[in-house]
């Protein structure tokens, strides 16, 4: 109750401050938002504002996995996937705020189509509920915004490919004085940055700078709803920086989360005998170099693993390979992560020509939503218990497919 009262008081104060002639650089939230880049240009006459289109819009009909039980089929949405066109944009004196994933303009408005928000509209962005946005770091020169998250999936699939979009727009990486991103944290991230010549001295590290103003801010269309063209572009770009990866024999691999803090298979010891009997080997992607991960997934004919960052490497898998993703069966279409991000590996598989299958396991004491002040990962990636007999039937169906049969609810 007290927390709700304090939150309500804060929101009321933020709304009042928005009406005052005080910049959010100093106090209060932004003074509104622009729905589109064109609306911003028309309103401000920003002499540096430009856009360069490189990928067209896409509409794609998606396919529900033919091994999906009837009660799970509604999860695979939307069946008509709409992807925006992708381009590079530039504005003068633009600000980026790490916590809210928001770009604000020089006249103190949110650039809504390039900022993160869910629910009712742009005003759901966290910035509009803040009394202060924190101190601002001013950076001179040409700055390219890459950041989304430190997670390996976001880094590899949604962040680094933005460099390729900038290249296609006519701006090689050397053009930019600084890169706005988190410092590379894992060995594979450091390898990718090294090969792209992203030196640490060029990085404006968001882990220590949450609110940054850039003299000339360059950013791309947010890749939240990427499609086939973006995915294939990302795959080509990432393979280009691999170091002599060679596809070996066709292997069957099980991507284990045993060493993770969450999202593990609780009864993995019961699952492994079935996998080993079918010729699978247990792997830990985090212990492998970037090139080793690329080669392993390129050469894998079948991949099994729980939902998590380790499956990101299917971006390197060959068309026609198979993926069995073990997923949380607690589904709520109103929970943003489950409804929008829970299907990321299904969509990736569709775009890459990978045969996708899902096995829905039982979460260990996890509700739809995290309780107040609890880590949201307890909802997104709970530990899971697999029904071994049911999984065995699915695995046999995947490895010895009968094109005329589908699995049915018992």
Protein backbone atom coordinates (compact mmCIF):
# COMPACT_ATOMS: atom_id res chain seq x y z
CA UNK A 1 0.00 0.00 0.00
CA UNK A 2 2.76 2.46 0.95
CA UNK A 3 4.68 1.63 -2.21
CA UNK A 4 1.58 2.31 -4.33
CA UNK A 5 1.03 5.66 -2.59
CA UNK A 6 4.65 6.71 -3.14
CA UNK A 7 4.51 5.66 -6.78
CA UNK A 8 1.31 7.62 -7.29
CA UNK A 9 2.83 10.73 -5.70
CA UNK A 10 5.90 10.44 -7.92
CA UNK A 11 3.78 10.11 -11.07
CA UNK A 12 1.72 13.16 -10.10
CA UNK A 13 4.89 15.20 -9.49
CA UNK A 14 6.28 14.12 -12.87
CA UNK A 15 3.09 15.18 -14.67
CA UNK A 16 3.20 18.58 -12.96
CA UNK A 17 6.87 19.11 -13.86
CA UNK A 18 6.17 18.28 -17.50
CA UNK A 19 3.98 21.38 -17.71
CA UNK A 20 6.72 23.70 -16.47
CA UNK A 21 9.28 25.39 -18.80
CA UNK A 22 12.15 23.33 -17.40
CA UNK A 23 14.21 21.00 -19.61
CA UNK A 24 14.31 17.33 -18.64
CA UNK A 25 18.07 17.73 -18.80
CA UNK A 26 17.59 19.48 -15.45
CA UNK A 27 14.34 18.30 -13.91
CA UNK A 28 11.21 16.39 -14.79
CA UNK A 29 10.22 14.25 -17.81
CA UNK A 30 10.26 15.15 -21.54
CA UNK A 31 7.64 17.62 -22.79
CA UNK A 32 5.74 15.14 -24.92
CA UNK A 33 6.65 12.98 -27.89
CA UNK A 34 6.86 12.79 -31.67
CA UNK A 35 5.09 9.84 -33.26
CA UNK A 36 7.46 9.71 -36.22
CA UNK A 37 10.79 10.99 -37.48
CA UNK A 38 9.01 13.02 -40.15
CA UNK A 39 6.89 14.77 -37.51
CA UNK A 40 10.06 15.71 -35.64
CA UNK A 41 11.74 17.13 -38.75
CA UNK A 42 8.66 19.13 -39.68
CA UNK A 43 8.35 20.61 -36.21
CA UNK A 44 11.99 21.52 -35.57
CA UNK A 45 13.69 22.06 -38.91
CA UNK A 46 16.73 20.18 -37.55
CA UNK A 47 19.36 20.93 -40.19
CA UNK A 48 21.20 17.66 -39.48
CA UNK A 49 18.14 15.42 -39.43
CA UNK A 50 18.34 12.82 -42.22
CA UNK A 51 17.23 9.27 -42.95
CA UNK A 52 18.65 6.57 -45.21
CA UNK A 53 16.48 3.52 -46.05
CA UNK A 54 18.24 0.18 -46.61
CA UNK A 55 15.68 -2.64 -46.10
CA UNK A 56 12.02 -2.69 -47.23
CA UNK A 57 9.00 -3.58 -45.13
CA UNK A 58 8.03 -7.25 -44.96
CA UNK A 59 4.86 -9.27 -44.49
CA UNK A 60 5.37 -12.96 -43.82
CA UNK A 61 2.96 -15.82 -43.16
CA UNK A 62 4.26 -17.86 -40.22
CA UNK A 63 3.74 -21.57 -39.64
CA UNK A 64 2.67 -23.24 -36.41
CA UNK A 65 4.98 -26.23 -35.71
CA UNK A 66 3.23 -29.38 -36.90
CA UNK A 67 4.27 -31.18 -33.71
CA UNK A 68 2.57 -28.59 -31.46
CA UNK A 69 -0.20 -29.99 -29.30
CA UNK A 70 -3.56 -28.34 -29.84
CA UNK A 71 -3.53 -26.56 -26.48
CA UNK A 72 -0.25 -24.80 -27.31
CA UNK A 73 -1.01 -23.66 -30.85
CA UNK A 74 -2.49 -20.31 -29.80
CA UNK A 75 0.89 -19.32 -28.36
CA UNK A 76 2.44 -19.05 -31.81
CA UNK A 77 1.33 -15.52 -32.68
CA UNK A 78 1.16 -13.47 -34.75
CA UNK A 79 0.78 -15.77 -37.74
CA UNK A 80 1.12 -12.78 -40.06
CA UNK A 81 4.43 -11.20 -39.10
CA UNK A 82 4.87 -7.54 -40.04
CA UNK A 83 8.40 -6.15 -40.10
CA UNK A 84 9.15 -2.45 -40.62
CA UNK A 85 11.58 -1.17 -43.17
CA UNK A 86 15.04 -0.54 -41.74
CA UNK A 87 17.15 2.54 -42.08
CA UNK A 88 19.71 4.83 -40.46
CA UNK A 89 18.75 8.18 -38.94
CA UNK A 90 20.59 11.22 -37.61
CA UNK A 91 19.52 14.05 -35.31
CA UNK A 92 21.32 16.97 -33.72
CA UNK A 93 21.84 17.01 -29.95
CA UNK A 94 19.83 13.86 -29.38
CA UNK A 95 19.83 12.19 -25.97
CA UNK A 96 19.65 8.51 -25.11
CA UNK A 97 18.53 7.21 -21.73
CA UNK A 98 19.70 3.72 -20.84
CA UNK A 99 17.02 2.67 -18.34
CA UNK A 100 14.10 3.60 -20.55
CA UNK A 101 15.61 2.73 -23.92
CA UNK A 102 14.49 6.16 -25.08
CA UNK A 103 15.74 8.78 -27.53
CA UNK A 104 14.83 12.39 -26.76
CA UNK A 105 15.18 15.29 -29.17
CA UNK A 106 16.85 18.67 -28.81
CA UNK A 107 13.45 20.26 -28.13
CA UNK A 108 12.88 17.81 -25.26
CA UNK A 109 10.45 15.30 -26.71
CA UNK A 110 10.51 11.53 -26.90
CA UNK A 111 11.14 10.12 -30.37
CA UNK A 112 8.45 7.49 -29.87
CA UNK A 113 9.02 5.23 -32.87
CA UNK A 114 12.63 4.70 -31.78
CA UNK A 115 12.01 4.31 -28.05
CA UNK A 116 10.82 1.40 -25.94
CA UNK A 117 7.26 1.37 -24.66
CA UNK A 118 4.56 -1.19 -24.11
CA UNK A 119 0.85 -1.08 -23.46
CA UNK A 120 -1.22 2.01 -24.17
CA UNK A 121 1.32 4.12 -26.03
CA UNK A 122 4.51 6.19 -25.85
CA UNK A 123 3.55 7.67 -22.48
CA UNK A 124 4.05 4.23 -21.00
CA UNK A 125 7.76 4.88 -21.39
CA UNK A 126 9.47 5.07 -18.03
CA UNK A 127 10.77 8.63 -18.66
CA UNK A 128 7.30 10.14 -18.28
CA UNK A 129 7.12 8.86 -14.71
CA UNK A 130 10.44 10.34 -13.53
CA UNK A 131 11.03 13.48 -11.50
CA UNK A 132 14.69 13.53 -12.59
CA UNK A 133 16.48 11.70 -15.39
CA UNK A 134 19.94 11.95 -13.83
CA UNK A 135 23.04 13.83 -14.88
CA UNK A 136 23.79 14.18 -18.59
CA UNK A 137 27.09 13.27 -20.25
CA UNK A 138 27.71 15.42 -23.34
CA UNK A 139 29.65 13.76 -26.19
CA UNK A 140 31.02 15.57 -29.26
CA UNK A 141 31.23 14.18 -32.79
CA UNK A 142 29.38 11.44 -34.66
CA UNK A 143 27.96 8.81 -32.31
CA UNK A 144 26.35 5.51 -33.39
CA UNK A 145 23.81 4.01 -30.99
CA UNK A 146 24.00 0.22 -30.82
CA UNK A 147 22.70 -0.64 -27.39
CA UNK A 148 19.78 -2.80 -26.41
CA UNK A 149 20.95 -5.06 -23.64
CA UNK A 150 24.00 -6.90 -22.34
CA UNK A 151 22.31 -10.22 -23.01
CA UNK A 152 24.06 -12.31 -25.71
CA UNK A 153 20.88 -12.61 -27.79
CA UNK A 154 20.30 -8.85 -27.94
CA UNK A 155 23.99 -8.19 -28.53
CA UNK A 156 24.36 -10.62 -31.43
CA UNK A 157 20.96 -10.47 -33.14
CA UNK A 158 19.69 -6.95 -32.50
CA UNK A 159 22.71 -4.80 -31.67
CA UNK A 160 25.77 -5.67 -33.78
CA UNK A 161 23.78 -5.96 -37.09
CA UNK A 162 23.03 -2.24 -36.78
CA UNK A 163 26.61 -1.69 -37.90
CA UNK A 164 25.72 -3.40 -41.18
CA UNK A 165 22.67 -1.16 -41.62
CA UNK A 166 24.94 1.86 -41.17
CA UNK A 167 27.37 0.42 -43.74
CA UNK A 168 24.57 -0.09 -46.27
CA UNK A 169 23.48 3.50 -45.65
CA UNK A 170 27.00 4.60 -46.63
CA UNK A 171 28.57 5.03 -43.21
CA UNK A 172 31.36 2.58 -42.37
CA UNK A 173 32.23 2.11 -38.72
CA UNK A 174 35.31 4.32 -39.09
CA UNK A 175 33.02 7.31 -39.74
CA UNK A 176 31.84 7.32 -36.14
CA UNK A 177 33.88 8.96 -33.41
CA UNK A 178 32.17 6.99 -30.67
CA UNK A 179 29.91 3.96 -30.22
CA UNK A 180 27.15 4.16 -27.62
CA UNK A 181 26.83 0.69 -26.07
CA UNK A 182 27.64 -1.43 -23.05
CA UNK A 183 31.26 -2.49 -22.76
CA UNK A 184 31.66 -6.07 -24.02
CA UNK A 185 31.27 -8.37 -21.05
CA UNK A 186 31.74 -11.94 -22.29
CA UNK A 187 34.60 -13.42 -24.29
CA UNK A 188 32.48 -13.86 -27.43
CA UNK A 189 31.32 -10.24 -27.23
CA UNK A 190 34.91 -9.05 -26.89
CA UNK A 191 35.93 -11.17 -29.89
CA UNK A 192 33.19 -9.66 -32.07
CA UNK A 193 34.10 -6.11 -31.01
CA UNK A 194 37.81 -6.72 -31.60
CA UNK A 195 37.20 -8.01 -35.12
CA UNK A 196 35.02 -5.05 -35.95
CA UNK A 197 37.70 -2.70 -34.57
CA UNK A 198 35.40 -1.37 -31.86
CA UNK A 199 38.12 -0.23 -29.51
CA UNK A 200 37.29 0.32 -25.86
CA UNK A 201 38.41 3.96 -26.12
CA UNK A 202 35.70 4.57 -28.74
CA UNK A 203 32.92 3.11 -26.59
CA UNK A 204 30.75 5.40 -24.47
CA UNK A 205 29.97 2.76 -21.82
CA UNK A 206 26.32 2.79 -20.80
CA UNK A 207 27.01 0.81 -17.65
CA UNK A 208 28.54 4.00 -16.25
CA UNK A 209 26.65 6.62 -18.31
CA UNK A 210 22.89 6.23 -18.17
CA UNK A 211 21.97 9.57 -19.77
CA UNK A 212 24.00 10.71 -22.78
CA UNK A 213 23.61 13.70 -25.11
CA UNK A 214 25.29 13.43 -28.52
CA UNK A 215 26.28 16.25 -30.81
CA UNK A 216 25.24 14.12 -33.82
CA UNK A 217 23.33 10.99 -32.84
CA UNK A 218 23.00 8.22 -35.43
CA UNK A 219 20.59 5.36 -34.79
CA UNK A 220 18.72 2.70 -36.74
CA UNK A 221 15.15 1.51 -36.90
CA UNK A 222 14.72 -0.52 -33.70
CA UNK A 223 15.09 -4.21 -34.60
CA UNK A 224 12.34 -5.38 -32.24
CA UNK A 225 10.21 -6.75 -35.10
CA UNK A 226 12.91 -7.81 -37.49
CA UNK A 227 12.00 -10.10 -40.37
CA UNK A 228 13.67 -12.46 -42.81
CA UNK A 229 15.71 -9.80 -44.65
CA UNK A 230 17.16 -8.42 -41.41
CA UNK A 231 17.91 -11.93 -40.10
CA UNK A 232 19.71 -13.05 -43.24
CA UNK A 233 21.64 -9.76 -43.31
CA UNK A 234 22.68 -10.32 -39.69
CA UNK A 235 23.75 -13.91 -40.39
CA UNK A 236 25.86 -12.86 -43.38
CA UNK A 237 27.47 -10.03 -41.44
CA UNK A 238 28.30 -12.21 -38.41
CA UNK A 239 29.68 -15.05 -40.52
CA UNK A 240 31.89 -12.50 -42.28
CA UNK A 241 33.79 -11.83 -39.06
CA UNK A 242 34.27 -15.48 -38.13
CA UNK A 243 37.81 -16.78 -38.18
CA UNK A 244 37.99 -19.80 -40.45
CA UNK A 245 34.98 -21.66 -39.02
CA UNK A 246 34.63 -25.03 -40.73
CA UNK A 247 31.48 -27.11 -40.73
CA UNK A 248 32.34 -30.53 -39.36
CA UNK A 249 30.31 -33.70 -39.18
CA UNK A 250 26.61 -33.40 -38.53
CA UNK A 251 26.12 -33.44 -34.77
CA UNK A 252 23.25 -33.54 -32.34
CA UNK A 253 23.75 -31.12 -29.46
CA UNK A 254 21.99 -30.41 -26.18
CA UNK A 255 22.51 -26.83 -24.98
CA UNK A 256 22.62 -27.08 -21.18
CA UNK A 257 21.78 -24.27 -18.75
CA UNK A 258 23.16 -26.24 -15.82
CA UNK A 259 25.63 -23.45 -14.98
CA UNK A 260 23.03 -20.66 -15.15
CA UNK A 261 21.25 -19.15 -12.17
CA UNK A 262 17.76 -19.60 -13.68
CA UNK A 263 16.01 -21.20 -16.63
CA UNK A 264 17.53 -24.61 -15.89
CA UNK A 265 16.01 -28.04 -16.44
CA UNK A 266 15.41 -29.24 -12.89
CA UNK A 267 15.39 -32.93 -13.82
CA UNK A 268 18.16 -32.73 -16.41
CA UNK A 269 19.69 -35.91 -14.96
CA UNK A 270 16.58 -37.79 -16.12
CA UNK A 271 16.53 -36.07 -19.50
CA UNK A 272 20.15 -36.76 -20.43
CA UNK A 273 19.89 -40.58 -20.84
CA UNK A 274 17.23 -40.12 -23.55
CA UNK A 275 19.36 -37.54 -25.31
CA UNK A 276 22.58 -39.55 -25.07
CA UNK A 277 20.83 -42.64 -26.43
CA UNK A 278 19.72 -40.57 -29.43
CA UNK A 279 23.31 -39.44 -30.08
CA UNK A 280 23.25 -36.00 -28.48
CA UNK A 281 26.21 -34.42 -26.73
CA UNK A 282 25.90 -31.96 -23.87
CA UNK A 283 27.48 -28.56 -24.49
CA UNK A 284 27.96 -25.28 -22.61
CA UNK A 285 28.18 -22.45 -25.20
CA UNK A 286 29.59 -20.03 -22.61
CA UNK A 287 32.74 -22.19 -22.31
CA UNK A 288 33.43 -22.07 -26.07
CA UNK A 289 35.10 -19.38 -28.14
CA UNK A 290 33.01 -17.41 -30.63
CA UNK A 291 34.46 -19.38 -33.56
CA UNK A 292 33.84 -22.69 -31.80
CA UNK A 293 30.21 -21.78 -31.21
CA UNK A 294 29.76 -20.80 -34.85
CA UNK A 295 31.29 -24.05 -36.12
CA UNK A 296 29.33 -26.18 -33.66
CA UNK A 297 25.95 -24.74 -34.59
CA UNK A 298 26.77 -24.67 -38.30
CA UNK A 299 27.45 -28.38 -38.12
CA UNK A 300 24.52 -29.37 -35.92
CA UNK A 301 21.71 -31.31 -37.55
CA UNK A 302 19.54 -31.16 -34.41
CA UNK A 303 19.66 -28.84 -31.39
CA UNK A 304 17.81 -29.27 -28.10
CA UNK A 305 17.81 -26.69 -25.31
CA UNK A 306 15.77 -24.63 -22.90
CA UNK A 307 14.74 -21.10 -23.86
CA UNK A 308 17.71 -18.83 -23.20
CA UNK A 309 20.66 -16.97 -24.64
CA UNK A 310 22.52 -20.15 -25.63
CA UNK A 311 20.03 -20.78 -28.44
CA UNK A 312 21.01 -17.46 -30.02
CA UNK A 313 23.64 -19.37 -31.97
CA UNK A 314 20.98 -20.92 -34.22
CA UNK A 315 21.64 -17.80 -36.31
CA UNK A 316 24.60 -19.85 -37.61
CA UNK A 317 22.67 -23.11 -38.14
CA UNK A 318 22.12 -24.43 -41.63
CA UNK A 319 18.72 -24.43 -43.34
CA UNK A 320 17.00 -27.77 -42.79
CA UNK A 321 18.52 -28.33 -39.35
CA UNK A 322 16.11 -28.94 -36.44
CA UNK A 323 15.54 -27.14 -33.15
CA UNK A 324 13.62 -28.43 -30.13
CA UNK A 325 13.11 -25.59 -27.67
CA UNK A 326 12.04 -26.49 -24.11
CA UNK A 327 9.72 -23.70 -23.00
CA UNK A 328 7.69 -22.43 -20.07
CA UNK A 329 4.09 -23.67 -20.25
CA UNK A 330 2.83 -20.82 -18.07
CA UNK A 331 1.60 -18.48 -20.77
CA UNK A 332 -0.26 -15.20 -20.50
CA UNK A 333 -0.76 -13.24 -23.71
CA UNK A 334 -1.02 -10.04 -21.64
CA UNK A 335 2.46 -10.49 -20.17
CA UNK A 336 4.67 -8.53 -22.59
CA UNK A 337 7.73 -10.78 -22.46
CA UNK A 338 5.87 -14.02 -23.01
CA UNK A 339 3.61 -12.61 -25.71
CA UNK A 340 6.32 -10.80 -27.66
CA UNK A 341 9.69 -12.29 -26.80
CA UNK A 342 8.85 -15.86 -25.86
CA UNK A 343 8.58 -16.72 -29.55
CA UNK A 344 11.93 -15.30 -30.64
CA UNK A 345 13.49 -18.67 -31.51
CA UNK A 346 10.38 -19.80 -33.38
CA UNK A 347 10.56 -16.64 -35.49
CA UNK A 348 14.32 -16.92 -36.01
CA UNK A 349 13.86 -20.52 -37.14
CA UNK A 350 11.14 -19.51 -39.61
CA UNK A 351 13.35 -16.81 -41.12
CA UNK A 352 16.38 -19.11 -41.34
CA UNK A 353 14.66 -22.20 -42.73
CA UNK A 354 15.20 -24.22 -39.54
CA UNK A 355 12.63 -26.86 -38.60
CA UNK A 356 11.27 -25.68 -35.24
CA UNK A 357 9.61 -27.72 -32.49
CA UNK A 358 8.60 -26.68 -28.97
CA UNK A 359 8.22 -28.77 -25.83
CA UNK A 360 6.33 -27.05 -23.03
CA UNK A 361 7.60 -28.01 -19.58
CA UNK A 362 6.24 -27.27 -16.10
CA UNK A 363 7.66 -24.18 -14.36
CA UNK A 364 8.80 -24.74 -10.80
CA UNK A 365 6.41 -22.69 -8.67
CA UNK A 366 6.28 -19.72 -11.02
CA UNK A 367 3.26 -17.46 -11.51
CA UNK A 368 2.45 -15.38 -14.59
CA UNK A 369 3.96 -12.23 -13.16
CA UNK A 370 6.80 -11.53 -10.77
CA UNK A 371 5.70 -10.35 -7.31
CA UNK A 372 6.46 -6.76 -6.28
CA UNK A 373 10.22 -6.07 -6.19
CA UNK A 374 11.03 -9.58 -7.44
CA UNK A 375 13.28 -10.22 -10.41
CA UNK A 376 11.25 -10.47 -13.60
CA UNK A 377 13.50 -13.33 -14.73
CA UNK A 378 11.60 -15.53 -12.26
CA UNK A 379 8.71 -15.27 -14.72
CA UNK A 380 10.61 -15.16 -17.99
CA UNK A 381 13.07 -17.95 -17.30
CA UNK A 382 11.92 -20.17 -14.44
CA UNK A 383 13.49 -23.53 -13.78
CA UNK A 384 11.50 -26.17 -15.64
CA UNK A 385 10.57 -29.79 -15.02
CA UNK A 386 10.31 -31.94 -18.14
CA UNK A 387 7.84 -34.81 -18.49
CA UNK A 388 10.36 -37.38 -19.66
CA UNK A 389 7.94 -39.75 -21.42
CA UNK A 390 6.23 -36.92 -23.33
CA UNK A 391 9.58 -35.44 -24.31
CA UNK A 392 10.79 -38.82 -25.52
CA UNK A 393 7.77 -39.14 -27.80
CA UNK A 394 8.35 -35.68 -29.25
CA UNK A 395 12.06 -36.33 -29.79
CA UNK A 396 11.36 -39.58 -31.64
CA UNK A 397 8.83 -37.75 -33.80
CA UNK A 398 11.39 -35.04 -34.61
CA UNK A 399 14.23 -37.44 -35.40
CA UNK A 400 12.11 -39.88 -37.44
CA UNK A 401 9.42 -37.64 -38.90
CA UNK A 402 6.28 -38.94 -40.54
CA UNK A 403 5.01 -36.12 -42.77
CA UNK A 404 1.45 -37.47 -42.56
CA UNK A 405 1.17 -37.41 -38.75
CA UNK A 406 0.96 -34.81 -36.01
CA UNK A 407 0.99 -35.07 -32.25
CA UNK A 408 -2.38 -34.87 -30.54
CA UNK A 409 -3.47 -33.90 -27.06
CA UNK A 410 -4.10 -37.01 -24.96
